[in-house]
Structure formats: C-alpha cells, structure tokens
Amino acid sequence: MRMWVSLALFVTWLITGITGVILLVAPLAVQYGINLPVDTADTIHSYVGFMFFGLSFVHLALNWGAMKTYFRRMFKK
C-alpha cells in the first residue's frame, strides 16, 4: 500500500508541477504567438492538486510510526 500511495503522490506531484508551469508561462507565451491550453491545464491542476492533498494525508497516516521514531531521535540529541 505504501508503494502505491508514494507512486500516486509522485505522479500527482509531477502533473501538478507541469500544469503549474503551463499556467505560469502562458501569458508570456501568448506574446510570442504560442497558445497553451490554459483552461485545460487549470482544470487538471485543480483536480490533481486536491488528489495530491488527500494522498498526502494517507501517506502521513501510513508512515506515522516511522515519522514518530525519526522525530524522537532528532529531538533526543
């Protein structure tokens, strides 16, 4: 389960990043006559962003024990 959640997190992170770059450079691209699919990128960015947010909580829940151990060791020193 951890592997699939981590893989899904990576894929959603990648898609969110790519669509974010499209949304960021679209106004500049228009000046050079390049039309990017801003409406589609905006929709995908929003929905996949929500998926990423939800999967982050699942990831935290699945790895909570390891995180507690890590923080205990970190603050023990």
Protein backbone atom coordinates (compact mmCIF):
# COMPACT_ATOMS: atom_id res chain seq x y z
CA MET A 1 0.00 0.00 0.00
CA ARG A 2 2.83 2.42 0.87
CA MET A 3 4.43 1.90 -2.52
CA TRP A 4 1.21 2.68 -4.41
CA VAL A 5 0.46 5.76 -2.35
CA SER A 6 4.03 7.02 -2.82
CA LEU A 7 3.84 6.37 -6.57
CA ALA A 8 0.48 8.14 -6.81
CA LEU A 9 1.90 11.07 -4.84
CA PHE A 10 4.83 11.32 -7.23
CA VAL A 11 2.58 11.21 -10.31
CA THR A 12 0.19 13.82 -8.92
CA TRP A 13 3.15 16.00 -7.88
CA LEU A 14 4.55 15.77 -11.39
CA ILE A 15 1.24 16.59 -13.08
CA THR A 16 0.61 19.50 -10.72
CA GLY A 17 4.10 20.84 -11.42
CA ILE A 18 3.76 20.58 -15.19
CA THR A 19 0.34 22.23 -15.25
CA GLY A 20 1.61 24.89 -12.85
CA VAL A 21 4.44 25.75 -15.24
CA ILE A 22 1.96 25.93 -18.13
CA LEU A 23 -0.20 28.34 -16.13
CA LEU A 24 2.85 30.39 -15.18
CA VAL A 25 4.32 30.80 -18.68
CA ALA A 26 1.05 31.05 -20.64
CA PRO A 27 0.84 34.87 -20.50
CA LEU A 28 4.41 35.16 -21.77
CA ALA A 29 3.82 32.54 -24.47
CA VAL A 30 0.85 34.50 -25.83
CA GLN A 31 3.18 37.44 -26.52
CA TYR A 32 5.16 35.15 -28.83
CA GLY A 33 2.08 33.79 -30.57
CA ILE A 34 2.04 30.45 -28.72
CA ASN A 35 -1.33 29.40 -27.37
CA LEU A 36 -1.14 26.97 -24.45
CA PRO A 37 -4.18 25.02 -23.19
CA VAL A 38 -4.73 27.23 -20.16
CA ASP A 39 -8.34 26.20 -19.45
CA THR A 40 -7.49 22.50 -19.55
CA ALA A 41 -4.31 23.00 -17.51
CA ASP A 42 -6.25 24.99 -14.91
CA THR A 43 -8.89 22.27 -14.53
CA ILE A 44 -6.32 19.46 -14.34
CA HIS A 45 -4.18 21.48 -11.92
CA SER A 46 -7.12 21.99 -9.56
CA TYR A 47 -8.40 18.41 -9.50
CA VAL A 48 -4.99 16.77 -9.34
CA GLY A 49 -3.98 19.26 -6.63
CA PHE A 50 -6.90 18.06 -4.50
CA MET A 51 -5.86 14.46 -5.13
CA PHE A 52 -2.30 15.32 -4.09
CA PHE A 53 -3.58 16.95 -0.89
CA GLY A 54 -5.69 13.92 0.03
CA LEU A 55 -2.94 11.43 -0.79
CA SER A 56 -0.57 13.42 1.42
CA PHE A 57 -2.74 12.66 4.44
CA VAL A 58 -2.91 8.97 3.51
CA HIS A 59 0.89 8.99 3.15
CA LEU A 60 1.28 10.60 6.58
CA ALA A 61 -1.07 8.06 8.16
CA LEU A 62 0.78 5.11 6.60
CA ASN A 63 4.17 6.41 7.70
CA TRP A 64 3.24 7.87 11.07
CA GLY A 65 5.20 5.30 13.09
CA ALA A 66 8.40 5.90 11.15
CA MET A 67 7.96 9.65 11.43
CA LYS A 68 7.49 9.48 15.22
CA THR A 69 10.69 7.46 15.53
CA TYR A 70 12.57 9.93 13.33
CA PHE A 71 11.42 12.96 15.33
CA ARG A 72 12.15 11.26 18.66
CA ARG A 73 15.71 10.61 17.53
CA MET A 74 16.07 14.10 16.14
CA PHE A 75 14.96 15.88 19.33
CA LYS A 76 16.66 13.46 21.72
CA LYS A 77 20.14 14.75 20.93
